N, C-alpha and C. Protein backbone atom coordinates (compact mmCIF):
# COMPACT_ATOMS: atom_id res chain seq x y z
N MET A 1 -46.40 51.56 -47.42
CA MET A 1 -45.78 52.16 -46.23
C MET A 1 -44.48 51.23 -45.81
N GLN A 2 -42.97 51.74 -45.68
CA GLN A 2 -41.85 51.21 -45.38
C GLN A 2 -41.78 50.48 -43.76
N GLN A 3 -41.51 49.33 -44.09
CA GLN A 3 -41.12 48.59 -42.57
C GLN A 3 -40.44 49.62 -41.31
N THR A 4 -39.75 50.40 -41.84
CA THR A 4 -38.90 50.97 -40.78
C THR A 4 -39.94 52.35 -40.39
N SER A 5 -41.19 52.49 -41.27
CA SER A 5 -41.88 53.71 -41.01
C SER A 5 -43.05 52.96 -39.74
N LEU A 6 -43.56 51.77 -40.28
CA LEU A 6 -44.22 51.04 -39.22
C LEU A 6 -43.73 50.93 -38.24
N MET A 7 -42.49 50.71 -37.96
CA MET A 7 -42.05 50.24 -36.49
C MET A 7 -41.96 51.83 -35.76
N ALA A 8 -41.44 52.49 -36.73
CA ALA A 8 -41.67 54.04 -35.71
C ALA A 8 -42.75 54.25 -35.12
N TYR A 9 -43.89 54.25 -36.43
CA TYR A 9 -45.13 54.61 -35.95
C TYR A 9 -45.51 53.53 -34.32
N ASN A 10 -45.26 52.61 -34.43
CA ASN A 10 -45.69 51.70 -33.26
C ASN A 10 -44.75 51.84 -31.86
N GLU A 11 -43.76 52.66 -31.98
CA GLU A 11 -42.98 53.13 -30.82
C GLU A 11 -43.62 54.23 -30.66
N LEU A 12 -44.30 55.08 -31.31
CA LEU A 12 -44.97 56.33 -30.58
C LEU A 12 -45.41 56.06 -29.27
N ASP A 13 -44.89 57.00 -28.53
CA ASP A 13 -46.60 56.96 -27.27
C ASP A 13 -47.43 57.82 -27.41
N ILE A 14 -48.70 56.86 -27.35
CA ILE A 14 -49.84 57.61 -27.22
C ILE A 14 -50.16 58.22 -26.46
N ASP A 15 -49.46 58.46 -25.44
CA ASP A 15 -50.14 59.61 -24.29
C ASP A 15 -49.78 60.80 -25.35
N ASN A 16 -48.81 61.00 -25.48
CA ASN A 16 -48.02 62.37 -26.20
C ASN A 16 -48.77 62.40 -27.46
N ILE A 17 -49.06 61.25 -28.29
CA ILE A 17 -49.99 61.82 -29.51
C ILE A 17 -51.52 62.60 -29.22
N ARG A 18 -52.14 61.72 -27.93
CA ARG A 18 -53.34 62.32 -27.60
C ARG A 18 -53.18 63.51 -26.85
N SER A 19 -51.91 63.86 -26.33
CA SER A 19 -51.54 65.34 -25.56
C SER A 19 -51.79 66.40 -26.50
N MET A 20 -51.09 65.58 -27.81
CA MET A 20 -50.91 66.94 -28.65
C MET A 20 -52.29 67.23 -29.81
N TYR A 21 -53.18 65.87 -29.84
CA TYR A 21 -54.53 66.25 -30.39
C TYR A 21 -55.33 67.10 -29.56
N LYS A 22 -55.35 67.29 -28.22
CA LYS A 22 -55.76 67.55 -27.07
C LYS A 22 -55.22 69.58 -27.58
N ALA A 23 -54.12 69.52 -27.38
CA ALA A 23 -53.40 70.87 -27.47
C ALA A 23 -53.77 71.82 -28.68
N ILE A 24 -53.69 71.03 -29.44
CA ILE A 24 -54.18 71.38 -31.20
C ILE A 24 -55.59 71.73 -30.98
N ILE A 25 -56.49 70.99 -30.97
CA ILE A 25 -58.00 71.45 -30.60
C ILE A 25 -58.32 72.64 -29.74
N SER A 26 -57.58 72.55 -28.80
CA SER A 26 -57.85 73.41 -27.91
C SER A 26 -57.26 74.52 -28.27
N SER A 27 -56.02 74.81 -28.88
CA SER A 27 -55.65 76.55 -29.63
C SER A 27 -56.54 76.71 -30.65
N ILE A 28 -57.37 75.92 -31.63
CA ILE A 28 -58.24 76.02 -32.57
C ILE A 28 -59.54 76.17 -32.00
N ARG A 29 -59.76 76.09 -30.95
CA ARG A 29 -61.14 76.21 -30.17
C ARG A 29 -60.96 77.65 -29.76
N LYS A 30 -59.74 78.03 -29.14
CA LYS A 30 -59.77 79.63 -28.26
C LYS A 30 -59.39 80.68 -29.22
N GLU A 31 -58.85 80.24 -30.46
CA GLU A 31 -58.58 81.33 -31.88
C GLU A 31 -59.66 81.48 -32.46
N GLY A 32 -60.29 80.24 -32.83
CA GLY A 32 -61.51 80.44 -34.02
C GLY A 32 -60.70 79.53 -35.30
N SER A 33 -59.84 79.82 -35.82
CA SER A 33 -59.22 79.13 -36.84
C SER A 33 -57.68 79.65 -36.76
N MET A 34 -56.61 78.80 -37.19
CA MET A 34 -55.51 79.05 -37.14
C MET A 34 -54.33 78.30 -38.48
N THR A 35 -53.32 79.13 -38.69
CA THR A 35 -52.72 77.94 -39.37
C THR A 35 -51.46 77.33 -38.67
N ASP A 36 -50.75 76.71 -39.68
CA ASP A 36 -50.02 75.82 -39.12
C ASP A 36 -49.08 76.39 -38.01
N GLN A 37 -48.29 77.33 -38.61
CA GLN A 37 -47.42 78.30 -37.65
C GLN A 37 -47.91 78.90 -36.69
N GLU A 38 -49.16 79.42 -36.72
CA GLU A 38 -50.08 79.90 -35.85
C GLU A 38 -49.91 78.94 -34.79
N ILE A 39 -50.71 77.68 -35.06
CA ILE A 39 -50.69 76.51 -33.86
C ILE A 39 -49.27 76.31 -33.44
N THR A 40 -48.16 76.35 -34.23
CA THR A 40 -46.72 75.81 -33.89
C THR A 40 -46.31 76.68 -32.66
N ARG A 41 -46.22 78.09 -33.30
CA ARG A 41 -46.24 78.91 -32.05
C ARG A 41 -46.84 79.25 -30.87
N LYS A 42 -48.18 78.95 -30.84
CA LYS A 42 -49.14 79.21 -29.92
C LYS A 42 -48.57 77.55 -28.69
N LEU A 43 -48.15 76.58 -29.42
CA LEU A 43 -47.67 75.26 -28.71
C LEU A 43 -46.13 75.56 -27.85
N GLY A 44 -45.64 76.75 -28.56
CA GLY A 44 -44.32 76.55 -28.05
C GLY A 44 -43.34 75.88 -28.67
N PHE A 45 -43.51 75.67 -30.09
CA PHE A 45 -42.49 75.09 -30.88
C PHE A 45 -41.92 76.03 -32.05
N ASP A 46 -41.08 75.94 -32.62
CA ASP A 46 -40.54 76.54 -33.88
C ASP A 46 -40.52 76.15 -35.01
N ASP A 47 -40.61 74.57 -35.15
CA ASP A 47 -40.94 74.23 -36.22
C ASP A 47 -42.26 73.30 -36.82
N PRO A 48 -43.06 74.11 -37.63
CA PRO A 48 -44.21 73.56 -37.90
C PRO A 48 -44.30 71.78 -38.26
N ASN A 49 -43.24 71.19 -38.82
CA ASN A 49 -43.31 70.09 -38.73
C ASN A 49 -43.70 69.42 -37.37
N LYS A 50 -43.38 69.68 -36.40
CA LYS A 50 -43.82 69.04 -34.81
C LYS A 50 -45.12 68.82 -34.84
N ILE A 51 -46.06 70.03 -35.44
CA ILE A 51 -47.64 69.72 -35.17
C ILE A 51 -48.15 68.86 -36.45
N ARG A 52 -47.55 69.39 -37.40
CA ARG A 52 -48.16 68.52 -38.97
C ARG A 52 -48.58 67.30 -38.95
N PRO A 53 -47.75 66.02 -38.12
CA PRO A 53 -48.48 64.85 -38.42
C PRO A 53 -49.93 64.99 -37.88
N ARG A 54 -50.19 65.30 -36.43
CA ARG A 54 -51.28 65.16 -35.45
C ARG A 54 -52.04 66.03 -36.27
N ARG A 55 -52.02 67.16 -36.75
CA ARG A 55 -52.77 68.22 -37.70
C ARG A 55 -53.70 67.03 -38.57
N ASN A 56 -52.59 66.61 -39.34
CA ASN A 56 -53.00 65.47 -40.35
C ASN A 56 -53.97 64.44 -40.30
N GLU A 57 -53.45 64.05 -38.65
CA GLU A 57 -54.64 62.72 -38.39
C GLU A 57 -55.72 63.71 -37.93
N LEU A 58 -55.99 64.56 -37.65
CA LEU A 58 -56.87 65.32 -36.85
C LEU A 58 -57.83 65.53 -38.25
N VAL A 59 -57.28 66.12 -39.11
CA VAL A 59 -57.98 66.47 -40.64
C VAL A 59 -58.71 64.75 -41.06
N LYS A 60 -57.85 63.66 -41.21
CA LYS A 60 -58.16 62.75 -41.80
C LYS A 60 -59.50 62.07 -40.71
N MET A 61 -59.19 62.50 -39.35
CA MET A 61 -60.37 61.96 -38.48
C MET A 61 -61.55 62.60 -38.47
N GLY A 62 -61.50 63.82 -39.25
CA GLY A 62 -62.87 64.62 -39.74
C GLY A 62 -62.73 65.29 -38.06
N TYR A 63 -61.93 65.89 -37.48
CA TYR A 63 -62.36 67.01 -36.43
C TYR A 63 -61.82 68.32 -37.06
N ILE A 64 -60.76 68.67 -37.96
CA ILE A 64 -60.32 69.58 -38.29
C ILE A 64 -60.41 69.62 -39.69
N ILE A 65 -60.94 71.28 -40.11
CA ILE A 65 -61.14 71.20 -41.83
C ILE A 65 -60.45 72.49 -42.23
N PRO A 66 -60.16 72.51 -43.35
CA PRO A 66 -59.21 73.97 -44.07
C PRO A 66 -60.30 74.86 -44.05
N VAL A 67 -59.80 76.06 -43.84
CA VAL A 67 -61.36 76.95 -44.06
C VAL A 67 -61.19 78.15 -45.37
N GLY A 68 -59.84 77.71 -45.97
CA GLY A 68 -59.39 78.66 -47.20
C GLY A 68 -58.02 78.95 -46.68
N LYS A 69 -57.52 80.18 -47.44
CA LYS A 69 -55.97 80.92 -47.48
C LYS A 69 -56.28 82.38 -46.77
N ARG A 70 -55.16 82.55 -45.66
CA ARG A 70 -55.20 83.69 -44.98
C ARG A 70 -54.20 84.20 -44.86
N VAL A 71 -53.55 85.37 -44.25
CA VAL A 71 -52.15 85.85 -44.19
C VAL A 71 -52.12 85.48 -42.99
N CYS A 72 -51.01 84.47 -42.75
CA CYS A 72 -50.26 83.96 -41.41
C CYS A 72 -49.79 85.08 -40.38
N LYS A 73 -49.90 85.11 -39.07
CA LYS A 73 -49.64 86.35 -38.15
C LYS A 73 -48.11 86.52 -38.09
N PHE A 74 -47.52 85.48 -38.13
CA PHE A 74 -46.22 85.10 -38.41
C PHE A 74 -45.38 85.19 -39.43
N THR A 75 -45.64 84.44 -40.66
CA THR A 75 -44.97 84.32 -41.42
C THR A 75 -45.28 85.27 -42.54
N ARG A 76 -46.33 86.06 -42.47
CA ARG A 76 -46.99 87.24 -43.34
C ARG A 76 -47.13 86.76 -44.87
N LYS A 77 -47.33 85.50 -44.96
CA LYS A 77 -47.25 84.74 -46.09
C LYS A 77 -49.18 83.80 -46.01
N ASN A 78 -49.54 84.23 -47.17
CA ASN A 78 -50.80 83.17 -47.22
C ASN A 78 -50.55 81.63 -46.95
N ALA A 79 -51.21 81.43 -46.17
CA ALA A 79 -51.05 79.91 -45.73
C ALA A 79 -52.38 79.29 -45.47
N ILE A 80 -52.93 77.86 -45.15
CA ILE A 80 -54.03 77.50 -45.01
C ILE A 80 -54.55 78.00 -43.59
N SER A 81 -55.82 78.10 -43.19
CA SER A 81 -56.04 78.23 -41.76
C SER A 81 -57.05 76.79 -41.84
N TRP A 82 -57.17 76.21 -40.44
CA TRP A 82 -57.61 75.28 -39.98
C TRP A 82 -58.66 75.92 -39.01
N HIS A 83 -59.75 75.20 -39.15
CA HIS A 83 -60.85 75.47 -37.81
C HIS A 83 -61.34 74.02 -37.54
N LEU A 84 -62.14 74.07 -36.36
CA LEU A 84 -62.75 72.72 -36.13
C LEU A 84 -63.94 72.21 -36.48
N THR A 85 -64.42 70.86 -36.91
CA THR A 85 -65.58 70.63 -37.39
C THR A 85 -66.81 70.45 -35.93
N LYS A 86 -67.83 70.04 -36.39
CA LYS A 86 -68.54 69.57 -34.96
C LYS A 86 -68.46 68.24 -34.60
N ASN A 87 -67.40 67.62 -35.15
CA ASN A 87 -67.21 66.43 -34.54
C ASN A 87 -66.08 66.18 -33.82
N HIS A 88 -65.24 67.58 -33.58
CA HIS A 88 -64.22 67.62 -32.48
C HIS A 88 -64.29 67.17 -31.54
N ILE A 89 -63.00 66.66 -30.77
CA ILE A 89 -63.13 66.13 -29.41
C ILE A 89 -63.33 67.02 -28.49
N ASN A 90 -64.03 66.68 -27.70
CA ASN A 90 -64.28 68.16 -26.05
C ASN A 90 -63.44 68.03 -25.23
């Protein structure tokens, strides 16, 4: 990892990260499973890259898993759908 990446990571606001984790988990809990674009739109963003870093971290932590591909409600293209695991944060 580049030094500049480490510096940027250390400057992230931990409260904002936790808030995004909770928002992603809450959205998936309500919908059952969601694509990145569906999560993005549900949270009021236009760009899925706003949620992907946090979603990737939730996957690495074991809270979210891919459950296959399906047609996204917004893009109308096949996309990975994400679902909560039993380990998800309450």
